[in-house]
PDB file of N, CA and C in Angstrom:
ATOM      1  N   MET A   1     -10.625   7.138  10.797  1.00  0.00           N
ATOM      2  CA  MET A   1     -10.030   5.894  10.350  1.00  0.00           C
ATOM      3  C   MET A   1      -9.250   6.163   9.066  1.00  0.00           C
ATOM      4  N   SER A   2      -8.039   5.666   9.001  1.00  0.00           N
ATOM      5  CA  SER A   2      -7.244   5.750   7.779  1.00  0.00           C
ATOM      6  C   SER A   2      -7.644   4.612   6.854  1.00  0.00           C
ATOM      7  N   THR A   3      -7.553   4.859   5.559  1.00  0.00           N
ATOM      8  CA  THR A   3      -7.995   3.855   4.595  1.00  0.00           C
ATOM      9  C   THR A   3      -6.921   3.561   3.561  1.00  0.00           C
ATOM     10  N   PHE A   4      -6.824   2.288   3.219  1.00  0.00           N
ATOM     11  CA  PHE A   4      -5.935   1.833   2.159  1.00  0.00           C
ATOM     12  C   PHE A   4      -6.779   1.370   0.983  1.00  0.00           C
ATOM     13  N   SER A   5      -6.324   1.681  -0.193  1.00  0.00           N
ATOM     14  CA  SER A   5      -6.920   1.176  -1.424  1.00  0.00           C
ATOM     15  C   SER A   5      -5.790   0.532  -2.219  1.00  0.00           C
ATOM     16  N   CYS A   6      -5.915  -0.764  -2.475  1.00  0.00           N
ATOM     17  CA  CYS A   6      -4.840  -1.517  -3.113  1.00  0.00           C
ATOM     18  C   CYS A   6      -5.297  -2.027  -4.479  1.00  0.00           C
ATOM     19  N   LEU A   7      -4.569  -1.648  -5.509  1.00  0.00           N
ATOM     20  CA  LEU A   7      -4.830  -2.061  -6.878  1.00  0.00           C
ATOM     21  C   LEU A   7      -3.795  -3.127  -7.230  1.00  0.00           C
ATOM     22  N   ILE A   8      -4.273  -4.366  -7.458  1.00  0.00           N
ATOM     23  CA  ILE A   8      -3.355  -5.488  -7.672  1.00  0.00           C
ATOM     24  C   ILE A   8      -3.848  -6.374  -8.813  1.00  0.00           C
ATOM     25  N   GLN A   9      -2.945  -7.197  -9.331  1.00  0.00           N
ATOM     26  CA  GLN A   9      -3.283  -8.155 -10.381  1.00  0.00           C
ATOM     27  C   GLN A   9      -4.120  -9.288  -9.792  1.00  0.00           C
ATOM     28  N   ALA A  10      -5.224  -9.606 -10.441  1.00  0.00           N
ATOM     29  CA  ALA A  10      -6.134 -10.639  -9.933  1.00  0.00           C
ATOM     30  C   ALA A  10      -5.464 -12.005  -9.826  1.00  0.00           C
ATOM     31  N   ASP A  11      -4.525 -12.294 -10.715  1.00  0.00           N
ATOM     32  CA  ASP A  11      -3.857 -13.593 -10.708  1.00  0.00           C
ATOM     33  C   ASP A  11      -2.467 -13.547 -10.092  1.00  0.00           C
ATOM     34  N   GLY A  12      -2.130 -12.455  -9.428  1.00  0.00           N
ATOM     35  CA  GLY A  12      -0.783 -12.288  -8.885  1.00  0.00           C
ATOM     36  C   GLY A  12      -0.640 -12.774  -7.458  1.00  0.00           C
ATOM     37  N   ILE A  13       0.600 -12.752  -6.991  1.00  0.00           N
ATOM     38  CA  ILE A  13       0.914 -13.200  -5.632  1.00  0.00           C
ATOM     39  C   ILE A  13       0.261 -12.302  -4.583  1.00  0.00           C
ATOM     40  N   ALA A  14       0.138 -11.005  -4.862  1.00  0.00           N
ATOM     41  CA  ALA A  14      -0.503 -10.100  -3.899  1.00  0.00           C
ATOM     42  C   ALA A  14      -1.958 -10.497  -3.675  1.00  0.00           C
ATOM     43  N   ALA A  15      -2.657 -10.884  -4.745  1.00  0.00           N
ATOM     44  CA  ALA A  15      -4.056 -11.296  -4.609  1.00  0.00           C
ATOM     45  C   ALA A  15      -4.164 -12.552  -3.746  1.00  0.00           C
ATOM     46  N   ALA A  16      -3.234 -13.463  -3.934  1.00  0.00           N
ATOM     47  CA  ALA A  16      -3.245 -14.702  -3.152  1.00  0.00           C
ATOM     48  C   ALA A  16      -2.839 -14.459  -1.695  1.00  0.00           C
ATOM     49  N   SER A  17      -2.239 -13.297  -1.422  1.00  0.00           N
ATOM     50  CA  SER A  17      -1.718 -12.995  -0.086  1.00  0.00           C
ATOM     51  C   SER A  17      -2.462 -11.853   0.589  1.00  0.00           C
ATOM     52  N   ARG A  18      -3.672 -11.568   0.146  1.00  0.00           N
ATOM     53  CA  ARG A  18      -4.397 -10.397   0.661  1.00  0.00           C
ATOM     54  C   ARG A  18      -4.549 -10.391   2.176  1.00  0.00           C
ATOM     55  N   SER A  19      -4.914 -11.501   2.770  1.00  0.00           N
ATOM     56  CA  SER A  19      -5.136 -11.485   4.223  1.00  0.00           C
ATOM     57  C   SER A  19      -3.827 -11.214   4.976  1.00  0.00           C
ATOM     58  N   GLU A  20      -2.726 -11.782   4.518  1.00  0.00           N
ATOM     59  CA  GLU A  20      -1.441 -11.516   5.177  1.00  0.00           C
ATOM     60  C   GLU A  20      -1.019 -10.062   4.966  1.00  0.00           C
ATOM     61  N   LEU A  21      -1.183  -9.553   3.748  1.00  0.00           N
ATOM     62  CA  LEU A  21      -0.843  -8.159   3.484  1.00  0.00           C
ATOM     63  C   LEU A  21      -1.679  -7.219   4.345  1.00  0.00           C
ATOM     64  N   GLU A  22      -2.962  -7.498   4.441  1.00  0.00           N
ATOM     65  CA  GLU A  22      -3.845  -6.651   5.250  1.00  0.00           C
ATOM     66  C   GLU A  22      -3.433  -6.677   6.723  1.00  0.00           C
ATOM     67  N   GLY A  23      -3.100  -7.838   7.221  1.00  0.00           N
ATOM     68  CA  GLY A  23      -2.635  -7.944   8.601  1.00  0.00           C
ATOM     69  C   GLY A  23      -1.343  -7.189   8.838  1.00  0.00           C
ATOM     70  N   ARG A  24      -0.434  -7.283   7.893  1.00  0.00           N
ATOM     71  CA  ARG A  24       0.847  -6.567   8.016  1.00  0.00           C
ATOM     72  C   ARG A  24       0.649  -5.057   7.900  1.00  0.00           C
ATOM     73  N   LEU A  25      -0.286  -4.615   7.044  1.00  0.00           N
ATOM     74  CA  LEU A  25      -0.592  -3.179   6.964  1.00  0.00           C
ATOM     75  C   LEU A  25      -1.151  -2.686   8.300  1.00  0.00           C
ATOM     76  N   GLN A  26      -2.030  -3.485   8.922  1.00  0.00           N
ATOM     77  CA  GLN A  26      -2.590  -3.114  10.226  1.00  0.00           C
ATOM     78  C   GLN A  26      -1.486  -3.018  11.271  1.00  0.00           C
ATOM     79  N   THR A  27      -0.574  -3.984  11.279  1.00  0.00           N
ATOM     80  CA  THR A  27       0.532  -3.970  12.242  1.00  0.00           C
ATOM     81  C   THR A  27       1.420  -2.757  12.028  1.00  0.00           C
ATOM     82  N   LEU A  28       1.759  -2.472  10.784  1.00  0.00           N
ATOM     83  CA  LEU A  28       2.578  -1.292  10.475  1.00  0.00           C
ATOM     84  C   LEU A  28       1.878  -0.024  10.959  1.00  0.00           C
ATOM     85  N   HIS A  29       0.604   0.100  10.619  1.00  0.00           N
ATOM     86  CA  HIS A  29      -0.143   1.298  10.997  1.00  0.00           C
ATOM     87  C   HIS A  29      -0.176   1.449  12.520  1.00  0.00           C
ATOM     88  N   ALA A  30      -0.354   0.340  13.223  1.00  0.00           N
ATOM     89  CA  ALA A  30      -0.413   0.374  14.691  1.00  0.00           C
ATOM     90  C   ALA A  30       0.901   0.828  15.310  1.00  0.00           C
ATOM     91  N   THR A  31       2.023   0.584  14.636  1.00  0.00           N
ATOM     92  CA  THR A  31       3.299   1.055  15.179  1.00  0.00           C
ATOM     93  C   THR A  31       3.420   2.567  15.054  1.00  0.00           C
ATOM     94  N   HIS A  32       2.753   3.158  14.083  1.00  0.00           N
ATOM     95  CA  HIS A  32       2.784   4.610  13.891  1.00  0.00           C
ATOM     96  C   HIS A  32       1.626   5.310  14.601  1.00  0.00           C
ATOM     97  N   TYR A  33       0.452   4.687  14.606  1.00  0.00           N
ATOM     98  CA  TYR A  33      -0.767   5.275  15.169  1.00  0.00           C
ATOM     99  C   TYR A  33      -1.486   4.203  15.991  1.00  0.00           C
ATOM    100  N   PRO A  34      -1.020   3.945  17.208  1.00  0.00           N
ATOM    101  CA  PRO A  34      -1.477   2.791  18.001  1.00  0.00           C
ATOM    102  C   PRO A  34      -2.978   2.703  18.277  1.00  0.00           C
ATOM    103  N   SER A  35      -3.677   3.793  18.330  1.00  0.00           N
ATOM    104  CA  SER A  35      -5.088   3.722  18.728  1.00  0.00           C
ATOM    105  C   SER A  35      -6.050   3.618  17.553  1.00  0.00           C
ATOM    106  N   GLU A  36      -5.540   3.499  16.335  1.00  0.00           N
ATOM    107  CA  GLU A  36      -6.431   3.536  15.181  1.00  0.00           C
ATOM    108  C   GLU A  36      -6.398   2.247  14.362  1.00  0.00           C
ATOM    109  N   GLN A  37      -7.566   1.795  13.970  1.00  0.00           N
ATOM    110  CA  GLN A  37      -7.701   0.689  13.026  1.00  0.00           C
ATOM    111  C   GLN A  37      -7.664   1.265  11.608  1.00  0.00           C
ATOM    112  N   ILE A  38      -7.490   0.405  10.623  1.00  0.00           N
ATOM    113  CA  ILE A  38      -7.517   0.842   9.235  1.00  0.00           C
ATOM    114  C   ILE A  38      -8.588   0.070   8.478  1.00  0.00           C
ATOM    115  N   ASP A  39      -8.969   0.612   7.353  1.00  0.00           N
ATOM    116  CA  ASP A  39      -9.861  -0.074   6.429  1.00  0.00           C
ATOM    117  C   ASP A  39      -9.064  -0.312   5.154  1.00  0.00           C
ATOM    118  N   VAL A  40      -9.108  -1.539   4.625  1.00  0.00           N
ATOM    119  CA  VAL A  40      -8.377  -1.878   3.410  1.00  0.00           C
ATOM    120  C   VAL A  40      -9.367  -2.365   2.357  1.00  0.00           C
ATOM    121  N   SER A  41      -9.298  -1.758   1.184  1.00  0.00           N
ATOM    122  CA  SER A  41     -10.113  -2.240   0.068  1.00  0.00           C
ATOM    123  C   SER A  41      -9.179  -2.726  -1.035  1.00  0.00           C
ATOM    124  N   TRP A  42      -9.658  -3.698  -1.788  1.00  0.00           N
ATOM    125  CA  TRP A  42      -8.864  -4.341  -2.830  1.00  0.00           C
ATOM    126  C   TRP A  42      -9.543  -4.181  -4.174  1.00  0.00           C
ATOM    127  N   ARG A  43      -8.788  -3.777  -5.154  1.00  0.00           N
ATOM    128  CA  ARG A  43      -9.277  -3.707  -6.533  1.00  0.00           C
ATOM    129  C   ARG A  43      -8.443  -4.700  -7.339  1.00  0.00           C
ATOM    130  N   LEU A  44      -9.070  -5.768  -7.817  1.00  0.00           N
ATOM    131  CA  LEU A  44      -8.376  -6.807  -8.565  1.00  0.00           C
ATOM    132  C   LEU A  44      -8.493  -6.508 -10.062  1.00  0.00           C
ATOM    133  N   VAL A  45      -7.356  -6.343 -10.701  1.00  0.00           N
ATOM    134  CA  VAL A  45      -7.319  -6.047 -12.130  1.00  0.00           C
ATOM    135  C   VAL A  45      -7.148  -7.361 -12.887  1.00  0.00           C
ATOM    136  N   PRO A  46      -8.042  -7.669 -13.830  1.00  0.00           N
ATOM    137  CA  PRO A  46      -7.929  -8.922 -14.583  1.00  0.00           C
ATOM    138  C   PRO A  46      -6.624  -8.988 -15.389  1.00  0.00           C
ATOM    139  N   ASP A  47      -6.171 -10.190 -15.618  1.00  0.00           N
ATOM    140  CA  ASP A  47      -4.987 -10.426 -16.432  1.00  0.00           C
ATOM    141  C   ASP A  47      -5.149  -9.733 -17.788  1.00  0.00           C
ATOM    142  N   GLY A  48      -4.103  -9.025 -18.218  1.00  0.00           N
ATOM    143  CA  GLY A  48      -4.132  -8.356 -19.503  1.00  0.00           C
ATOM    144  C   GLY A  48      -4.681  -6.945 -19.485  1.00  0.00           C
ATOM    145  N   TYR A  49      -4.987  -6.401 -18.305  1.00  0.00           N
ATOM    146  CA  TYR A  49      -5.561  -5.055 -18.208  1.00  0.00           C
ATOM    147  C   TYR A  49      -4.629  -4.034 -17.560  1.00  0.00           C
ATOM    148  N   MET A  50      -3.430  -4.444 -17.180  1.00  0.00           N
ATOM    149  CA  MET A  50      -2.497  -3.528 -16.527  1.00  0.00           C
ATOM    150  C   MET A  50      -1.121  -3.758 -17.144  1.00  0.00           C
ATOM    151  N   PHE A  51      -0.532  -2.695 -17.698  1.00  0.00           N
ATOM    152  CA  PHE A  51       0.730  -2.830 -18.420  1.00  0.00           C
ATOM    153  C   PHE A  51       1.755  -1.821 -17.933  1.00  0.00           C
ATOM    154  N   THR A  52       3.020  -2.212 -17.996  1.00  0.00           N
ATOM    155  CA  THR A  52       4.156  -1.346 -17.736  1.00  0.00           C
ATOM    156  C   THR A  52       5.125  -1.541 -18.893  1.00  0.00           C
ATOM    157  N   GLU A  53       5.482  -0.442 -19.567  1.00  0.00           N
ATOM    158  CA  GLU A  53       6.394  -0.492 -20.718  1.00  0.00           C
ATOM    159  C   GLU A  53       5.928  -1.494 -21.770  1.00  0.00           C
ATOM    160  N   GLY A  54       4.630  -1.556 -22.005  1.00  0.00           N
ATOM    161  CA  GLY A  54       4.082  -2.412 -23.053  1.00  0.00           C
ATOM    162  C   GLY A  54       4.016  -3.894 -22.723  1.00  0.00           C
ATOM    163  N   ARG A  55       4.311  -4.258 -21.464  1.00  0.00           N
ATOM    164  CA  ARG A  55       4.240  -5.664 -21.047  1.00  0.00           C
ATOM    165  C   ARG A  55       3.303  -5.799 -19.865  1.00  0.00           C
ATOM    166  N   GLN A  56       2.779  -6.999 -19.698  1.00  0.00           N
ATOM    167  CA  GLN A  56       1.903  -7.284 -18.556  1.00  0.00           C
ATOM    168  C   GLN A  56       2.587  -6.814 -17.277  1.00  0.00           C
ATOM    169  N   SER A  57       1.902  -6.010 -16.499  1.00  0.00           N
ATOM    170  CA  SER A  57       2.472  -5.438 -15.288  1.00  0.00           C
ATOM    171  C   SER A  57       2.420  -6.425 -14.123  1.00  0.00           C
ATOM    172  N   THR A  58       3.414  -6.329 -13.285  1.00  0.00           N
ATOM    173  CA  THR A  58       3.434  -7.084 -12.032  1.00  0.00           C
ATOM    174  C   THR A  58       3.345  -6.117 -10.849  1.00  0.00           C
ATOM    175  N   SER A  59       3.031  -4.861 -11.130  1.00  0.00           N
ATOM    176  CA  SER A  59       3.015  -3.822 -10.102  1.00  0.00           C
ATOM    177  C   SER A  59       1.782  -3.890  -9.214  1.00  0.00           C
ATOM    178  N   SER A  60       1.951  -3.351  -8.017  1.00  0.00           N
ATOM    179  CA  SER A  60       0.854  -3.119  -7.083  1.00  0.00           C
ATOM    180  C   SER A  60       0.846  -1.627  -6.779  1.00  0.00           C
ATOM    181  N   VAL A  61      -0.347  -1.064  -6.665  1.00  0.00           N
ATOM    182  CA  VAL A  61      -0.491   0.343  -6.306  1.00  0.00           C
ATOM    183  C   VAL A  61      -1.205   0.398  -4.960  1.00  0.00           C
ATOM    184  N   ILE A  62      -0.528   0.969  -3.973  1.00  0.00           N
ATOM    185  CA  ILE A  62      -1.069   1.031  -2.617  1.00  0.00           C
ATOM    186  C   ILE A  62      -1.232   2.499  -2.246  1.00  0.00           C
ATOM    187  N   SER A  63      -2.463   2.899  -2.038  1.00  0.00           N
ATOM    188  CA  SER A  63      -2.757   4.285  -1.690  1.00  0.00           C
ATOM    189  C   SER A  63      -3.363   4.324  -0.296  1.00  0.00           C
ATOM    190  N   CYS A  64      -2.885   5.242   0.526  1.00  0.00           N
ATOM    191  CA  CYS A  64      -3.414   5.362   1.886  1.00  0.00           C
ATOM    192  C   CYS A  64      -3.808   6.802   2.157  1.00  0.00           C
ATOM    193  N   ARG A  65      -4.998   6.957   2.667  1.00  0.00           N
ATOM    194  CA  ARG A  65      -5.463   8.272   3.132  1.00  0.00           C
ATOM    195  C   ARG A  65      -5.389   8.236   4.648  1.00  0.00           C
ATOM    196  N   LEU A  66      -4.408   8.953   5.194  1.00  0.00           N
ATOM    197  CA  LEU A  66      -4.196   8.994   6.637  1.00  0.00           C
ATOM    198  C   LEU A  66      -5.109  10.014   7.295  1.00  0.00           C
ATOM    199  N   GLN A  67      -5.535   9.723   8.487  1.00  0.00           N
ATOM    200  CA  GLN A  67      -6.309  10.684   9.282  1.00  0.00           C
ATOM    201  C   GLN A  67      -5.389  11.646  10.024  1.00  0.00           C
ATOM    202  N   TYR A  68      -4.112  11.574   9.724  1.00  0.00           N
ATOM    203  CA  TYR A  68      -3.110  12.396  10.381  1.00  0.00           C
ATOM    204  C   TYR A  68      -2.337  13.148   9.312  1.00  0.00           C
ATOM    205  N   SER A  69      -1.616  14.154   9.736  1.00  0.00           N
ATOM    206  CA  SER A  69      -0.758  14.908   8.825  1.00  0.00           C
ATOM    207  C   SER A  69       0.687  14.701   9.262  1.00  0.00           C
ATOM    208  N   PRO A  70       1.324  13.641   8.747  1.00  0.00           N
ATOM    209  CA  PRO A  70       2.689  13.338   9.184  1.00  0.00           C
ATOM    210  C   PRO A  70       3.693  14.335   8.610  1.00  0.00           C
ATOM    211  N   THR A  71       4.814  14.446   9.291  1.00  0.00           N
ATOM    212  CA  THR A  71       5.919  15.226   8.737  1.00  0.00           C
ATOM    213  C   THR A  71       6.492  14.456   7.551  1.00  0.00           C
ATOM    214  N   LEU A  72       7.344  15.079   6.793  1.00  0.00           N
ATOM    215  CA  LEU A  72       7.976  14.405   5.658  1.00  0.00           C
ATOM    216  C   LEU A  72       8.737  13.165   6.125  1.00  0.00           C
ATOM    217  N   ALA A  73       9.492  13.280   7.190  1.00  0.00           N
ATOM    218  CA  ALA A  73      10.263  12.136   7.698  1.00  0.00           C
ATOM    219  C   ALA A  73       9.345  10.999   8.141  1.00  0.00           C
ATOM    220  N   GLU A  74       8.243  11.336   8.827  1.00  0.00           N
ATOM    221  CA  GLU A  74       7.285  10.308   9.254  1.00  0.00           C
ATOM    222  C   GLU A  74       6.642   9.630   8.048  1.00  0.00           C
ATOM    223  N   ARG A  75       6.273  10.419   7.049  1.00  0.00           N
ATOM    224  CA  ARG A  75       5.642   9.862   5.850  1.00  0.00           C
ATOM    225  C   ARG A  75       6.619   8.951   5.105  1.00  0.00           C
ATOM    226  N   GLU A  76       7.886   9.343   5.025  1.00  0.00           N
ATOM    227  CA  GLU A  76       8.894   8.508   4.363  1.00  0.00           C
ATOM    228  C   GLU A  76       9.079   7.183   5.088  1.00  0.00           C
ATOM    229  N   ARG A  77       9.120   7.197   6.416  1.00  0.00           N
ATOM    230  CA  ARG A  77       9.255   5.952   7.194  1.00  0.00           C
ATOM    231  C   ARG A  77       8.037   5.057   6.988  1.00  0.00           C
ATOM    232  N   TYR A  78       6.874   5.649   6.980  1.00  0.00           N
ATOM    233  CA  TYR A  78       5.637   4.901   6.791  1.00  0.00           C
ATOM    234  C   TYR A  78       5.626   4.245   5.409  1.00  0.00           C
ATOM    235  N   MET A  79       5.959   5.018   4.381  1.00  0.00           N
ATOM    236  CA  MET A  79       5.981   4.491   3.010  1.00  0.00           C
ATOM    237  C   MET A  79       7.037   3.398   2.859  1.00  0.00           C
ATOM    238  N   ARG A  80       8.196   3.574   3.475  1.00  0.00           N
ATOM    239  CA  ARG A  80       9.244   2.553   3.434  1.00  0.00           C
ATOM    240  C   ARG A  80       8.737   1.277   4.091  1.00  0.00           C
ATOM    241  N   GLY A  81       7.988   1.419   5.178  1.00  0.00           N
ATOM    242  CA  GLY A  81       7.411   0.259   5.855  1.00  0.00           C
ATOM    243  C   GLY A  81       6.435  -0.490   4.962  1.00  0.00           C
ATOM    244  N   VAL A  82       5.603   0.246   4.213  1.00  0.00           N
ATOM    245  CA  VAL A  82       4.666  -0.391   3.282  1.00  0.00           C
ATOM    246  C   VAL A  82       5.443  -1.163   2.225  1.00  0.00           C
ATOM    247  N   CYS A  83       6.464  -0.531   1.638  1.00  0.00           N
ATOM    248  CA  CYS A  83       7.272  -1.219   0.616  1.00  0.00           C
ATOM    249  C   CYS A  83       7.937  -2.469   1.184  1.00  0.00           C
ATOM    250  N   ASP A  84       8.512  -2.348   2.376  1.00  0.00           N
ATOM    251  CA  ASP A  84       9.204  -3.492   2.978  1.00  0.00           C
ATOM    252  C   ASP A  84       8.262  -4.658   3.230  1.00  0.00           C
ATOM    253  N   LEU A  85       7.087  -4.391   3.793  1.00  0.00           N
ATOM    254  CA  LEU A  85       6.175  -5.503   4.072  1.00  0.00           C
ATOM    255  C   LEU A  85       5.665  -6.116   2.770  1.00  0.00           C
ATOM    256  N   TRP A  86       5.441  -5.289   1.753  1.00  0.00           N
ATOM    257  CA  TRP A  86       4.929  -5.789   0.473  1.00  0.00           C
ATOM    258  C   TRP A  86       5.969  -6.692  -0.196  1.00  0.00           C
ATOM    259  N   THR A  87       7.242  -6.278  -0.184  1.00  0.00           N
ATOM    260  CA  THR A  87       8.280  -7.116  -0.793  1.00  0.00           C
ATOM    261  C   THR A  87       8.494  -8.388   0.021  1.00  0.00           C
ATOM    262  N   ASP A  88       8.404  -8.297   1.351  1.00  0.00           N
ATOM    263  CA  ASP A  88       8.553  -9.490   2.201  1.00  0.00           C
ATOM    264  C   ASP A  88       7.495 -10.539   1.880  1.00  0.00           C
ATOM    265  N   VAL A  89       6.258 -10.105   1.725  1.00  0.00           N
ATOM    266  CA  VAL A  89       5.154 -11.037   1.513  1.00  0.00           C
ATOM    267  C   VAL A  89       5.098 -11.539   0.073  1.00  0.00           C
ATOM    268  N   THR A  90       5.287 -10.655  -0.892  1.00  0.00           N
ATOM    269  CA  THR A  90       5.074 -11.023  -2.299  1.00  0.00           C
ATOM    270  C   THR A  90       6.336 -11.441  -3.036  1.00  0.00           C
ATOM    271  N   GLY A  91       7.502 -11.052  -2.530  1.00  0.00           N
ATOM    272  CA  GLY A  91       8.743 -11.346  -3.238  1.00  0.00           C
ATOM    273  C   GLY A  91       9.016 -10.389  -4.384  1.00  0.00           C
ATOM    274  N   CYS A  92       8.193  -9.365  -4.542  1.00  0.00           N
ATOM    275  CA  CYS A  92       8.413  -8.400  -5.618  1.00  0.00           C
ATOM    276  C   CYS A  92       9.546  -7.452  -5.243  1.00  0.00           C
ATOM    277  N   THR A  93       9.918  -6.596  -6.173  1.00  0.00           N
ATOM    278  CA  THR A  93      10.954  -5.597  -5.911  1.00  0.00           C
ATOM    279  C   THR A  93      10.301  -4.242  -5.656  1.00  0.00           C
ATOM    280  N   ASP A  94      11.089  -3.305  -5.166  1.00  0.00           N
ATOM    281  CA  ASP A  94      10.594  -1.941  -4.964  1.00  0.00           C
ATOM    282  C   ASP A  94      10.102  -1.325  -6.274  1.00  0.00           C
ATOM    283  N   HIS A  95      10.647  -1.767  -7.400  1.00  0.00           N
ATOM    284  CA  HIS A  95      10.247  -1.234  -8.705  1.00  0.00           C
ATOM    285  C   HIS A  95       8.839  -1.678  -9.113  1.00  0.00           C
ATOM    286  N   GLU A  96       8.269  -2.619  -8.393  1.00  0.00           N
ATOM    287  CA  GLU A  96       6.931  -3.120  -8.703  1.00  0.00           C
ATOM    288  C   GLU A  96       5.871  -2.578  -7.747  1.00  0.00           C
ATOM    289  N   ILE A  97       6.237  -1.591  -6.940  1.00  0.00           N
ATOM    290  CA  ILE A  97       5.326  -1.050  -5.936  1.00  0.00           C
ATOM    291  C   ILE A  97       5.217   0.459  -6.113  1.00  0.00           C
ATOM    292  N   VAL A  98       3.985   0.933  -6.142  1.00  0.00           N
ATOM    293  CA  VAL A  98       3.716   2.366  -6.110  1.00  0.00           C
ATOM    294  C   VAL A  98       2.964   2.622  -4.809  1.00  0.00           C
ATOM    295  N   VAL A  99       3.507   3.502  -3.962  1.00  0.00           N
ATOM    296  CA  VAL A  99       2.876   3.829  -2.694  1.00  0.00           C
ATOM    297  C   VAL A  99       2.573   5.322  -2.666  1.00  0.00           C
ATOM    298  N   ALA A 100       1.344   5.649  -2.322  1.00  0.00           N
ATOM    299  CA  ALA A 100       0.954   7.055  -2.164  1.00  0.00           C
ATOM    300  C   ALA A 100       0.303   7.238  -0.799  1.00  0.00           C
ATOM    301  N   ILE A 101       0.753   8.221  -0.067  1.00  0.00           N
ATOM    302  CA  ILE A 101       0.199   8.538   1.241  1.00  0.00           C
ATOM    303  C   ILE A 101      -0.340   9.961   1.180  1.00  0.00           C
ATOM    304  N   THR A 102      -1.629  10.094   1.447  1.00  0.00           N
ATOM    305  CA  THR A 102      -2.270  11.403   1.433  1.00  0.00           C
ATOM    306  C   THR A 102      -2.768  11.713   2.834  1.00  0.00           C
ATOM    307  N   PRO A 103      -2.330  12.832   3.417  1.00  0.00           N
ATOM    308  CA  PRO A 103      -2.837  13.185   4.738  1.00  0.00           C
ATOM    309  C   PRO A 103      -4.257  13.717   4.667  1.00  0.00           C
ATOM    310  N   ALA A 104      -5.001  13.528   5.731  1.00  0.00           N
ATOM    311  CA  ALA A 104      -6.365  14.031   5.797  1.00  0.00           C
ATOM    312  C   ALA A 104      -6.385  15.544   5.644  1.00  0.00           C
ATOM    313  N   GLU A 105      -5.442  16.194   6.244  1.00  0.00           N
ATOM    314  CA  GLU A 105      -5.303  17.643   6.141  1.00  0.00           C
ATOM    315  C   GLU A 105      -3.954  17.932   5.515  1.00  0.00           C
ATOM    316  N   PRO A 106      -3.910  18.332   4.242  1.00  0.00           N
ATOM    317  CA  PRO A 106      -2.618  18.644   3.619  1.00  0.00           C
ATOM    318  C   PRO A 106      -1.891  19.719   4.405  1.00  0.00           C
ATOM    319  N   PRO A 107      -0.558  19.595   4.509  1.00  0.00           N
ATOM    320  CA  PRO A 107       0.194  20.596   5.265  1.00  0.00           C
ATOM    321  C   PRO A 107       0.083  21.976   4.616  1.00  0.00           C
ATOM    322  N   THR A 108       0.106  22.987   5.445  1.00  0.00           N
ATOM    323  CA  THR A 108       0.074  24.348   4.929  1.00  0.00           C
ATOM    324  C   THR A 108       1.498  24.896   4.869  1.00  0.00           C
ATOM    325  N   VAL A 109       1.697  25.800   3.961  1.00  0.00           N
ATOM    326  CA  VAL A 109       3.039  26.375   3.794  1.00  0.00           C
ATOM    327  C   VAL A 109       3.097  27.744   4.398  1.00  0.00           C
TER     328      VAL A 109
END
């Protein structure tokens, strides 16, 4: 099972939209890996505990540990999909999203 860990502002739009975001993450994942479900965990950061450039942050950090080892092109499409669904649901910009995808087995060189 692939897992998502999402770090978001407790009082932000992402927190208010968790169920929709989780559903959209599942749909995205199913388009890439149809036979697998995902697990999503949420870490809510209290107001005043997350900053960017010395100001209250509006960023979300989405980390996914895939059970697969995608190619670079596959990983880029997957990450773009996460950014697109996040901006669609929350109205944020790409500059407010950090996405990290880690394969279960890192590629060998």
